[in-house]
Amino acid sequence: MQEAEILKALANERRLQILDWLKDPVANFPPQVDGDLAGDGVCALYIAEKLGITQPTLSEHMRVLVQAGLVDQKRIKQWAFYRRNEERLAEIKEKLLQAL
């Protein structure tokens, strides 16, 4: 993915909030019935609820984050779970620091 697309993904306040919450999912989200918060990620329903947005709106935000490689998606049953891609975020941070 090109740097401009990554920056575009990061240029949205809600997506930045999601990334921040996903840094520490146990502290930011309630326990889940399916999936481990730290291991599997956070259920999309919890993220949408916390942001106060609809599921389709969240799906678009998460699509952008997943395509940028910032977040990984995992399916459990019919639910989508998301967690940060720390390796990719470190790579992006390093590239940005080199560019500046």
PDB file of N, CA and C in Angstrom:
ATOM      1  N   MET A   1       0.847  -1.175   0.000  1.00  0.00           N
ATOM      2  CA  MET A   1       0.000   0.000   0.000  1.00  0.00           C
ATOM      3  C   MET A   1       0.889   1.232   0.000  1.00  0.00           C
ATOM      4  N   GLN A   2       0.493   2.224  -0.723  1.00  0.00           N
ATOM      5  CA  GLN A   2       1.259   3.450  -0.830  1.00  0.00           C
ATOM      6  C   GLN A   2       1.090   4.303   0.418  1.00  0.00           C
ATOM      7  N   GLU A   3       2.131   5.102   0.683  1.00  0.00           N
ATOM      8  CA  GLU A   3       2.130   5.930   1.886  1.00  0.00           C
ATOM      9  C   GLU A   3       0.937   6.884   1.937  1.00  0.00           C
ATOM     10  N   ALA A   4       0.560   7.433   0.773  1.00  0.00           N
ATOM     11  CA  ALA A   4      -0.568   8.374   0.741  1.00  0.00           C
ATOM     12  C   ALA A   4      -1.854   7.696   1.201  1.00  0.00           C
ATOM     13  N   GLU A   5      -2.044   6.427   0.840  1.00  0.00           N
ATOM     14  CA  GLU A   5      -3.253   5.700   1.255  1.00  0.00           C
ATOM     15  C   GLU A   5      -3.235   5.424   2.755  1.00  0.00           C
ATOM     16  N   ILE A   6      -2.061   5.165   3.290  1.00  0.00           N
ATOM     17  CA  ILE A   6      -1.935   4.944   4.731  1.00  0.00           C
ATOM     18  C   ILE A   6      -2.264   6.240   5.477  1.00  0.00           C
ATOM     19  N   LEU A   7      -1.711   7.338   4.992  1.00  0.00           N
ATOM     20  CA  LEU A   7      -1.991   8.626   5.630  1.00  0.00           C
ATOM     21  C   LEU A   7      -3.466   8.971   5.536  1.00  0.00           C
ATOM     22  N   LYS A   8      -4.083   8.626   4.422  1.00  0.00           N
ATOM     23  CA  LYS A   8      -5.523   8.865   4.276  1.00  0.00           C
ATOM     24  C   LYS A   8      -6.306   8.053   5.314  1.00  0.00           C
ATOM     25  N   ALA A   9      -5.879   6.819   5.540  1.00  0.00           N
ATOM     26  CA  ALA A   9      -6.546   5.976   6.542  1.00  0.00           C
ATOM     27  C   ALA A   9      -6.406   6.578   7.936  1.00  0.00           C
ATOM     28  N   LEU A  10      -5.263   7.214   8.191  1.00  0.00           N
ATOM     29  CA  LEU A  10      -5.008   7.801   9.508  1.00  0.00           C
ATOM     30  C   LEU A  10      -5.584   9.199   9.661  1.00  0.00           C
ATOM     31  N   ALA A  11      -6.058   9.770   8.578  1.00  0.00           N
ATOM     32  CA  ALA A  11      -6.537  11.159   8.602  1.00  0.00           C
ATOM     33  C   ALA A  11      -7.999  11.273   8.998  1.00  0.00           C
ATOM     34  N   ASN A  12      -8.477  10.349   9.795  1.00  0.00           N
ATOM     35  CA  ASN A  12      -9.869  10.365  10.227  1.00  0.00           C
ATOM     36  C   ASN A  12      -9.902  10.198  11.745  1.00  0.00           C
ATOM     37  N   GLU A  13     -10.563  11.108  12.407  1.00  0.00           N
ATOM     38  CA  GLU A  13     -10.598  11.110  13.873  1.00  0.00           C
ATOM     39  C   GLU A  13     -11.170   9.815  14.446  1.00  0.00           C
ATOM     40  N   ARG A  14     -12.206   9.283  13.821  1.00  0.00           N
ATOM     41  CA  ARG A  14     -12.816   8.045  14.345  1.00  0.00           C
ATOM     42  C   ARG A  14     -11.873   6.858  14.187  1.00  0.00           C
ATOM     43  N   ARG A  15     -11.177   6.789  13.049  1.00  0.00           N
ATOM     44  CA  ARG A  15     -10.237   5.682  12.863  1.00  0.00           C
ATOM     45  C   ARG A  15      -9.073   5.781  13.843  1.00  0.00           C
ATOM     46  N   LEU A  16      -8.615   6.995  14.111  1.00  0.00           N
ATOM     47  CA  LEU A  16      -7.561   7.165  15.111  1.00  0.00           C
ATOM     48  C   LEU A  16      -8.058   6.754  16.502  1.00  0.00           C
ATOM     49  N   GLN A  17      -9.323   7.068  16.806  1.00  0.00           N
ATOM     50  CA  GLN A  17      -9.895   6.665  18.092  1.00  0.00           C
ATOM     51  C   GLN A  17      -9.958   5.145  18.192  1.00  0.00           C
ATOM     52  N   ILE A  18     -10.365   4.493  17.125  1.00  0.00           N
ATOM     53  CA  ILE A  18     -10.423   3.023  17.111  1.00  0.00           C
ATOM     54  C   ILE A  18      -9.039   2.448  17.379  1.00  0.00           C
ATOM     55  N   LEU A  19      -8.021   2.955  16.674  1.00  0.00           N
ATOM     56  CA  LEU A  19      -6.656   2.459  16.876  1.00  0.00           C
ATOM     57  C   LEU A  19      -6.207   2.662  18.315  1.00  0.00           C
ATOM     58  N   ASP A  20      -6.569   3.787  18.890  1.00  0.00           N
ATOM     59  CA  ASP A  20      -6.201   4.061  20.279  1.00  0.00           C
ATOM     60  C   ASP A  20      -6.872   3.069  21.226  1.00  0.00           C
ATOM     61  N   TRP A  21      -8.164   2.850  21.058  1.00  0.00           N
ATOM     62  CA  TRP A  21      -8.871   1.889  21.911  1.00  0.00           C
ATOM     63  C   TRP A  21      -8.308   0.481  21.763  1.00  0.00           C
ATOM     64  N   LEU A  22      -7.944   0.112  20.542  1.00  0.00           N
ATOM     65  CA  LEU A  22      -7.440  -1.242  20.303  1.00  0.00           C
ATOM     66  C   LEU A  22      -6.045  -1.464  20.867  1.00  0.00           C
ATOM     67  N   LYS A  23      -5.355  -0.384  21.272  1.00  0.00           N
ATOM     68  CA  LYS A  23      -4.058  -0.535  21.938  1.00  0.00           C
ATOM     69  C   LYS A  23      -4.211  -1.353  23.212  1.00  0.00           C
ATOM     70  N   ASP A  24      -5.308  -1.111  23.931  1.00  0.00           N
ATOM     71  CA  ASP A  24      -5.573  -1.809  25.190  1.00  0.00           C
ATOM     72  C   ASP A  24      -7.044  -2.228  25.220  1.00  0.00           C
ATOM     73  N   PRO A  25      -7.379  -3.285  24.491  1.00  0.00           N
ATOM     74  CA  PRO A  25      -8.787  -3.675  24.381  1.00  0.00           C
ATOM     75  C   PRO A  25      -9.414  -4.089  25.703  1.00  0.00           C
ATOM     76  N   VAL A  26      -8.638  -4.671  26.588  1.00  0.00           N
ATOM     77  CA  VAL A  26      -9.186  -5.126  27.871  1.00  0.00           C
ATOM     78  C   VAL A  26      -9.641  -3.931  28.707  1.00  0.00           C
ATOM     79  N   ALA A  27      -8.918  -2.835  28.637  1.00  0.00           N
ATOM     80  CA  ALA A  27      -9.275  -1.645  29.412  1.00  0.00           C
ATOM     81  C   ALA A  27     -10.410  -0.853  28.769  1.00  0.00           C
ATOM     82  N   ASN A  28     -10.585  -1.001  27.448  1.00  0.00           N
ATOM     83  CA  ASN A  28     -11.535  -0.156  26.726  1.00  0.00           C
ATOM     84  C   ASN A  28     -12.848  -0.817  26.335  1.00  0.00           C
ATOM     85  N   PHE A  29     -12.921  -2.141  26.458  1.00  0.00           N
ATOM     86  CA  PHE A  29     -14.134  -2.842  26.035  1.00  0.00           C
ATOM     87  C   PHE A  29     -14.542  -3.884  27.076  1.00  0.00           C
ATOM     88  N   PRO A  30     -15.841  -4.175  27.159  1.00  0.00           N
ATOM     89  CA  PRO A  30     -16.304  -5.185  28.129  1.00  0.00           C
ATOM     90  C   PRO A  30     -15.927  -6.598  27.661  1.00  0.00           C
ATOM     91  N   PRO A  31     -15.961  -7.549  28.578  1.00  0.00           N
ATOM     92  CA  PRO A  31     -15.697  -8.943  28.198  1.00  0.00           C
ATOM     93  C   PRO A  31     -16.679  -9.404  27.113  1.00  0.00           C
ATOM     94  N   GLN A  32     -16.204 -10.285  26.243  1.00  0.00           N
ATOM     95  CA  GLN A  32     -17.014 -10.787  25.137  1.00  0.00           C
ATOM     96  C   GLN A  32     -17.400 -12.236  25.373  1.00  0.00           C
ATOM     97  N   VAL A  33     -18.516 -12.649  24.809  1.00  0.00           N
ATOM     98  CA  VAL A  33     -18.937 -14.043  24.879  1.00  0.00           C
ATOM     99  C   VAL A  33     -18.039 -14.884  23.977  1.00  0.00           C
ATOM    100  N   ASP A  34     -17.849 -14.431  22.745  1.00  0.00           N
ATOM    101  CA  ASP A  34     -16.989 -15.130  21.791  1.00  0.00           C
ATOM    102  C   ASP A  34     -15.712 -14.334  21.583  1.00  0.00           C
ATOM    103  N   GLY A  35     -14.608 -15.005  21.515  1.00  0.00           N
ATOM    104  CA  GLY A  35     -13.345 -14.355  21.228  1.00  0.00           C
ATOM    105  C   GLY A  35     -12.723 -13.677  22.430  1.00  0.00           C
ATOM    106  N   ASP A  36     -11.404 -13.797  22.505  1.00  0.00           N
ATOM    107  CA  ASP A  36     -10.620 -13.168  23.561  1.00  0.00           C
ATOM    108  C   ASP A  36     -10.251 -11.754  23.116  1.00  0.00           C
ATOM    109  N   LEU A  37     -10.495 -10.760  23.951  1.00  0.00           N
ATOM    110  CA  LEU A  37     -10.227  -9.368  23.590  1.00  0.00           C
ATOM    111  C   LEU A  37      -8.786  -9.164  23.120  1.00  0.00           C
ATOM    112  N   ALA A  38      -7.830  -9.693  23.869  1.00  0.00           N
ATOM    113  CA  ALA A  38      -6.427  -9.473  23.528  1.00  0.00           C
ATOM    114  C   ALA A  38      -5.967 -10.376  22.383  1.00  0.00           C
ATOM    115  N   GLY A  39      -6.415 -11.623  22.381  1.00  0.00           N
ATOM    116  CA  GLY A  39      -5.941 -12.577  21.381  1.00  0.00           C
ATOM    117  C   GLY A  39      -6.669 -12.522  20.053  1.00  0.00           C
ATOM    118  N   ASP A  40      -7.986 -12.424  20.113  1.00  0.00           N
ATOM    119  CA  ASP A  40      -8.793 -12.457  18.889  1.00  0.00           C
ATOM    120  C   ASP A  40      -9.172 -11.068  18.388  1.00  0.00           C
ATOM    121  N   GLY A  41      -9.205 -10.103  19.277  1.00  0.00           N
ATOM    122  CA  GLY A  41      -9.610  -8.759  18.914  1.00  0.00           C
ATOM    123  C   GLY A  41     -10.973  -8.421  19.482  1.00  0.00           C
ATOM    124  N   VAL A  42     -11.441  -7.246  19.121  1.00  0.00           N
ATOM    125  CA  VAL A  42     -12.702  -6.715  19.648  1.00  0.00           C
ATOM    126  C   VAL A  42     -13.798  -6.899  18.611  1.00  0.00           C
ATOM    127  N   CYS A  43     -14.952  -7.357  19.063  1.00  0.00           N
ATOM    128  CA  CYS A  43     -16.102  -7.538  18.180  1.00  0.00           C
ATOM    129  C   CYS A  43     -16.531  -6.177  17.608  1.00  0.00           C
ATOM    130  N   ALA A  44     -16.839  -6.176  16.330  1.00  0.00           N
ATOM    131  CA  ALA A  44     -17.247  -4.952  15.638  1.00  0.00           C
ATOM    132  C   ALA A  44     -18.434  -4.282  16.323  1.00  0.00           C
ATOM    133  N   LEU A  45     -19.332  -5.072  16.877  1.00  0.00           N
ATOM    134  CA  LEU A  45     -20.502  -4.494  17.545  1.00  0.00           C
ATOM    135  C   LEU A  45     -20.105  -3.597  18.717  1.00  0.00           C
ATOM    136  N   TYR A  46     -19.101  -4.016  19.484  1.00  0.00           N
ATOM    137  CA  TYR A  46     -18.648  -3.213  20.619  1.00  0.00           C
ATOM    138  C   TYR A  46     -18.004  -1.909  20.160  1.00  0.00           C
ATOM    139  N   ILE A  47     -17.242  -1.985  19.068  1.00  0.00           N
ATOM    140  CA  ILE A  47     -16.585  -0.781  18.557  1.00  0.00           C
ATOM    141  C   ILE A  47     -17.634   0.210  18.057  1.00  0.00           C
ATOM    142  N   ALA A  48     -18.603  -0.273  17.280  1.00  0.00           N
ATOM    143  CA  ALA A  48     -19.664   0.593  16.742  1.00  0.00           C
ATOM    144  C   ALA A  48     -20.448   1.231  17.877  1.00  0.00           C
ATOM    145  N   GLU A  49     -20.768   0.439  18.876  1.00  0.00           N
ATOM    146  CA  GLU A  49     -21.536   0.950  20.020  1.00  0.00           C
ATOM    147  C   GLU A  49     -20.761   2.043  20.757  1.00  0.00           C
ATOM    148  N   LYS A  50     -19.487   1.796  20.992  1.00  0.00           N
ATOM    149  CA  LYS A  50     -18.670   2.763  21.729  1.00  0.00           C
ATOM    150  C   LYS A  50     -18.508   4.067  20.936  1.00  0.00           C
ATOM    151  N   LEU A  51     -18.416   3.965  19.604  1.00  0.00           N
ATOM    152  CA  LEU A  51     -18.307   5.163  18.765  1.00  0.00           C
ATOM    153  C   LEU A  51     -19.646   5.856  18.567  1.00  0.00           C
ATOM    154  N   GLY A  52     -20.737   5.129  18.800  1.00  0.00           N
ATOM    155  CA  GLY A  52     -22.067   5.690  18.587  1.00  0.00           C
ATOM    156  C   GLY A  52     -22.421   5.803  17.109  1.00  0.00           C
ATOM    157  N   ILE A  53     -21.978   4.806  16.334  1.00  0.00           N
ATOM    158  CA  ILE A  53     -22.250   4.797  14.892  1.00  0.00           C
ATOM    159  C   ILE A  53     -22.915   3.478  14.503  1.00  0.00           C
ATOM    160  N   THR A  54     -23.452   3.433  13.301  1.00  0.00           N
ATOM    161  CA  THR A  54     -24.107   2.218  12.817  1.00  0.00           C
ATOM    162  C   THR A  54     -23.066   1.191  12.383  1.00  0.00           C
ATOM    163  N   GLN A  55     -23.501  -0.048  12.295  1.00  0.00           N
ATOM    164  CA  GLN A  55     -22.628  -1.129  11.853  1.00  0.00           C
ATOM    165  C   GLN A  55     -22.088  -0.887  10.433  1.00  0.00           C
ATOM    166  N   PRO A  56     -22.927  -0.445   9.469  1.00  0.00           N
ATOM    167  CA  PRO A  56     -22.379  -0.179   8.128  1.00  0.00           C
ATOM    168  C   PRO A  56     -21.317   0.920   8.120  1.00  0.00           C
ATOM    169  N   THR A  57     -21.494   1.943   8.930  1.00  0.00           N
ATOM    170  CA  THR A  57     -20.492   3.012   9.008  1.00  0.00           C
ATOM    171  C   THR A  57     -19.190   2.471   9.586  1.00  0.00           C
ATOM    172  N   LEU A  58     -19.299   1.654  10.642  1.00  0.00           N
ATOM    173  CA  LEU A  58     -18.101   1.061  11.218  1.00  0.00           C
ATOM    174  C   LEU A  58     -17.425   0.155  10.198  1.00  0.00           C
ATOM    175  N   SER A  59     -18.206  -0.609   9.459  1.00  0.00           N
ATOM    176  CA  SER A  59     -17.633  -1.520   8.463  1.00  0.00           C
ATOM    177  C   SER A  59     -16.761  -0.769   7.468  1.00  0.00           C
ATOM    178  N   GLU A  60     -17.191   0.410   7.071  1.00  0.00           N
ATOM    179  CA  GLU A  60     -16.394   1.212   6.137  1.00  0.00           C
ATOM    180  C   GLU A  60     -15.095   1.680   6.786  1.00  0.00           C
ATOM    181  N   HIS A  61     -15.161   2.145   8.027  1.00  0.00           N
ATOM    182  CA  HIS A  61     -13.938   2.547   8.726  1.00  0.00           C
ATOM    183  C   HIS A  61     -12.978   1.367   8.864  1.00  0.00           C
ATOM    184  N   MET A  62     -13.507   0.210   9.215  1.00  0.00           N
ATOM    185  CA  MET A  62     -12.649  -0.947   9.418  1.00  0.00           C
ATOM    186  C   MET A  62     -12.090  -1.453   8.092  1.00  0.00           C
ATOM    187  N   ARG A  63     -12.851  -1.339   7.018  1.00  0.00           N
ATOM    188  CA  ARG A  63     -12.354  -1.742   5.699  1.00  0.00           C
ATOM    189  C   ARG A  63     -11.118  -0.919   5.345  1.00  0.00           C
ATOM    190  N   VAL A  64     -11.180   0.381   5.589  1.00  0.00           N
ATOM    191  CA  VAL A  64     -10.049   1.267   5.301  1.00  0.00           C
ATOM    192  C   VAL A  64      -8.836   0.879   6.153  1.00  0.00           C
ATOM    193  N   LEU A  65      -9.056   0.634   7.437  1.00  0.00           N
ATOM    194  CA  LEU A  65      -7.959   0.264   8.328  1.00  0.00           C
ATOM    195  C   LEU A  65      -7.352  -1.089   7.964  1.00  0.00           C
ATOM    196  N   VAL A  66      -8.189  -2.045   7.600  1.00  0.00           N
ATOM    197  CA  VAL A  66      -7.698  -3.371   7.206  1.00  0.00           C
ATOM    198  C   VAL A  66      -6.912  -3.264   5.899  1.00  0.00           C
ATOM    199  N   GLN A  67      -7.437  -2.544   4.915  1.00  0.00           N
ATOM    200  CA  GLN A  67      -6.739  -2.402   3.634  1.00  0.00           C
ATOM    201  C   GLN A  67      -5.393  -1.705   3.798  1.00  0.00           C
ATOM    202  N   ALA A  68      -5.301  -0.787   4.751  1.00  0.00           N
ATOM    203  CA  ALA A  68      -4.041  -0.099   5.015  1.00  0.00           C
ATOM    204  C   ALA A  68      -3.073  -0.987   5.797  1.00  0.00           C
ATOM    205  N   GLY A  69      -3.564  -2.125   6.286  1.00  0.00           N
ATOM    206  CA  GLY A  69      -2.727  -3.043   7.045  1.00  0.00           C
ATOM    207  C   GLY A  69      -2.551  -2.644   8.497  1.00  0.00           C
ATOM    208  N   LEU A  70      -3.335  -1.690   8.955  1.00  0.00           N
ATOM    209  CA  LEU A  70      -3.205  -1.200  10.326  1.00  0.00           C
ATOM    210  C   LEU A  70      -3.932  -2.078  11.336  1.00  0.00           C
ATOM    211  N   VAL A  71      -4.938  -2.791  10.856  1.00  0.00           N
ATOM    212  CA  VAL A  71      -5.775  -3.636  11.700  1.00  0.00           C
ATOM    213  C   VAL A  71      -5.963  -4.983  11.004  1.00  0.00           C
ATOM    214  N   ASP A  72      -5.981  -6.042  11.794  1.00  0.00           N
ATOM    215  CA  ASP A  72      -6.268  -7.388  11.279  1.00  0.00           C
ATOM    216  C   ASP A  72      -7.696  -7.763  11.646  1.00  0.00           C
ATOM    217  N   GLN A  73      -8.343  -8.479  10.742  1.00  0.00           N
ATOM    218  CA  GLN A  73      -9.717  -8.940  10.972  1.00  0.00           C
ATOM    219  C   GLN A  73      -9.724 -10.450  11.142  1.00  0.00           C
ATOM    220  N   LYS A  74     -10.550 -10.909  12.063  1.00  0.00           N
ATOM    221  CA  LYS A  74     -10.729 -12.340  12.294  1.00  0.00           C
ATOM    222  C   LYS A  74     -12.216 -12.609  12.392  1.00  0.00           C
ATOM    223  N   ARG A  75     -12.672 -13.669  11.769  1.00  0.00           N
ATOM    224  CA  ARG A  75     -14.081 -14.058  11.846  1.00  0.00           C
ATOM    225  C   ARG A  75     -14.250 -15.182  12.870  1.00  0.00           C
ATOM    226  N   ILE A  76     -15.220 -14.992  13.744  1.00  0.00           N
ATOM    227  CA  ILE A  76     -15.629 -16.036  14.682  1.00  0.00           C
ATOM    228  C   ILE A  76     -17.143 -16.101  14.583  1.00  0.00           C
ATOM    229  N   LYS A  77     -17.626 -17.252  14.182  1.00  0.00           N
ATOM    230  CA  LYS A  77     -19.054 -17.423  13.891  1.00  0.00           C
ATOM    231  C   LYS A  77     -19.440 -16.381  12.844  1.00  0.00           C
ATOM    232  N   GLN A  78     -20.472 -15.592  13.102  1.00  0.00           N
ATOM    233  CA  GLN A  78     -20.885 -14.582  12.124  1.00  0.00           C
ATOM    234  C   GLN A  78     -20.296 -13.211  12.426  1.00  0.00           C
ATOM    235  N   TRP A  79     -19.430 -13.122  13.430  1.00  0.00           N
ATOM    236  CA  TRP A  79     -18.925 -11.828  13.888  1.00  0.00           C
ATOM    237  C   TRP A  79     -17.536 -11.540  13.365  1.00  0.00           C
ATOM    238  N   ALA A  80     -17.242 -10.251  13.187  1.00  0.00           N
ATOM    239  CA  ALA A  80     -15.908  -9.793  12.807  1.00  0.00           C
ATOM    240  C   ALA A  80     -15.233  -9.210  14.046  1.00  0.00           C
ATOM    241  N   PHE A  81     -13.997  -9.606  14.268  1.00  0.00           N
ATOM    242  CA  PHE A  81     -13.201  -9.132  15.392  1.00  0.00           C
ATOM    243  C   PHE A  81     -11.962  -8.433  14.846  1.00  0.00           C
ATOM    244  N   TYR A  82     -11.558  -7.355  15.512  1.00  0.00           N
ATOM    245  CA  TYR A  82     -10.453  -6.553  15.016  1.00  0.00           C
ATOM    246  C   TYR A  82      -9.404  -6.328  16.096  1.00  0.00           C
ATOM    247  N   ARG A  83      -8.134  -6.366  15.664  1.00  0.00           N
ATOM    248  CA  ARG A  83      -7.041  -6.011  16.551  1.00  0.00           C
ATOM    249  C   ARG A  83      -5.962  -5.296  15.745  1.00  0.00           C
ATOM    250  N   ARG A  84      -5.169  -4.519  16.428  1.00  0.00           N
ATOM    251  CA  ARG A  84      -4.115  -3.749  15.775  1.00  0.00           C
ATOM    252  C   ARG A  84      -3.045  -4.670  15.205  1.00  0.00           C
ATOM    253  N   ASN A  85      -2.482  -4.268  14.076  1.00  0.00           N
ATOM    254  CA  ASN A  85      -1.336  -4.958  13.484  1.00  0.00           C
ATOM    255  C   ASN A  85      -0.102  -4.190  13.935  1.00  0.00           C
ATOM    256  N   GLU A  86       0.416  -4.551  15.082  1.00  0.00           N
ATOM    257  CA  GLU A  86       1.510  -3.806  15.704  1.00  0.00           C
ATOM    258  C   GLU A  86       2.768  -3.793  14.838  1.00  0.00           C
ATOM    259  N   GLU A  87       3.035  -4.883  14.159  1.00  0.00           N
ATOM    260  CA  GLU A  87       4.217  -4.949  13.286  1.00  0.00           C
ATOM    261  C   GLU A  87       4.106  -3.922  12.154  1.00  0.00           C
ATOM    262  N   ARG A  88       2.959  -3.872  11.522  1.00  0.00           N
ATOM    263  CA  ARG A  88       2.730  -2.925  10.423  1.00  0.00           C
ATOM    264  C   ARG A  88       2.752  -1.486  10.937  1.00  0.00           C
ATOM    265  N   LEU A  89       2.160  -1.238  12.085  1.00  0.00           N
ATOM    266  CA  LEU A  89       2.173   0.105  12.663  1.00  0.00           C
ATOM    267  C   LEU A  89       3.601   0.559  12.965  1.00  0.00           C
ATOM    268  N   ALA A  90       4.461  -0.342  13.431  1.00  0.00           N
ATOM    269  CA  ALA A  90       5.860   0.000  13.699  1.00  0.00           C
ATOM    270  C   ALA A  90       6.587   0.339  12.402  1.00  0.00           C
ATOM    271  N   GLU A  91       6.316  -0.423  11.341  1.00  0.00           N
ATOM    272  CA  GLU A  91       6.921  -0.141  10.033  1.00  0.00           C
ATOM    273  C   GLU A  91       6.518   1.247   9.533  1.00  0.00           C
ATOM    274  N   ILE A  92       5.246   1.557   9.652  1.00  0.00           N
ATOM    275  CA  ILE A  92       4.731   2.851   9.193  1.00  0.00           C
ATOM    276  C   ILE A  92       5.349   3.984  10.012  1.00  0.00           C
ATOM    277  N   LYS A  93       5.433   3.789  11.317  1.00  0.00           N
ATOM    278  CA  LYS A  93       6.033   4.802  12.182  1.00  0.00           C
ATOM    279  C   LYS A  93       7.487   5.064  11.768  1.00  0.00           C
ATOM    280  N   GLU A  94       8.231   4.005  11.497  1.00  0.00           N
ATOM    281  CA  GLU A  94       9.616   4.141  11.080  1.00  0.00           C
ATOM    282  C   GLU A  94       9.725   4.880   9.744  1.00  0.00           C
ATOM    283  N   LYS A  95       8.877   4.552   8.796  1.00  0.00           N
ATOM    284  CA  LYS A  95       8.882   5.234   7.497  1.00  0.00           C
ATOM    285  C   LYS A  95       8.572   6.716   7.643  1.00  0.00           C
ATOM    286  N   LEU A  96       7.600   7.037   8.480  1.00  0.00           N
ATOM    287  CA  LEU A  96       7.243   8.436   8.703  1.00  0.00           C
ATOM    288  C   LEU A  96       8.395   9.205   9.344  1.00  0.00           C
ATOM    289  N   LEU A  97       9.060   8.590  10.312  1.00  0.00           N
ATOM    290  CA  LEU A  97      10.180   9.256  10.965  1.00  0.00           C
ATOM    291  C   LEU A  97      11.337   9.487   9.979  1.00  0.00           C
ATOM    292  N   GLN A  98      11.571   8.525   9.094  1.00  0.00           N
ATOM    293  CA  GLN A  98      12.620   8.679   8.077  1.00  0.00           C
ATOM    294  C   GLN A  98      12.266   9.787   7.087  1.00  0.00           C
ATOM    295  N   ALA A  99      10.989   9.890   6.753  1.00  0.00           N
ATOM    296  CA  ALA A  99      10.555  10.884   5.777  1.00  0.00           C
ATOM    297  C   ALA A  99      10.634  12.302   6.337  1.00  0.00           C
ATOM    298  N   LEU A 100      10.504  12.420   7.642  1.00  0.00           N
ATOM    299  CA  LEU A 100      10.553  13.737   8.273  1.00  0.00           C
ATOM    300  C   LEU A 100      11.981  14.098   8.593  1.00  0.00           C
TER     301      LEU A 100
END
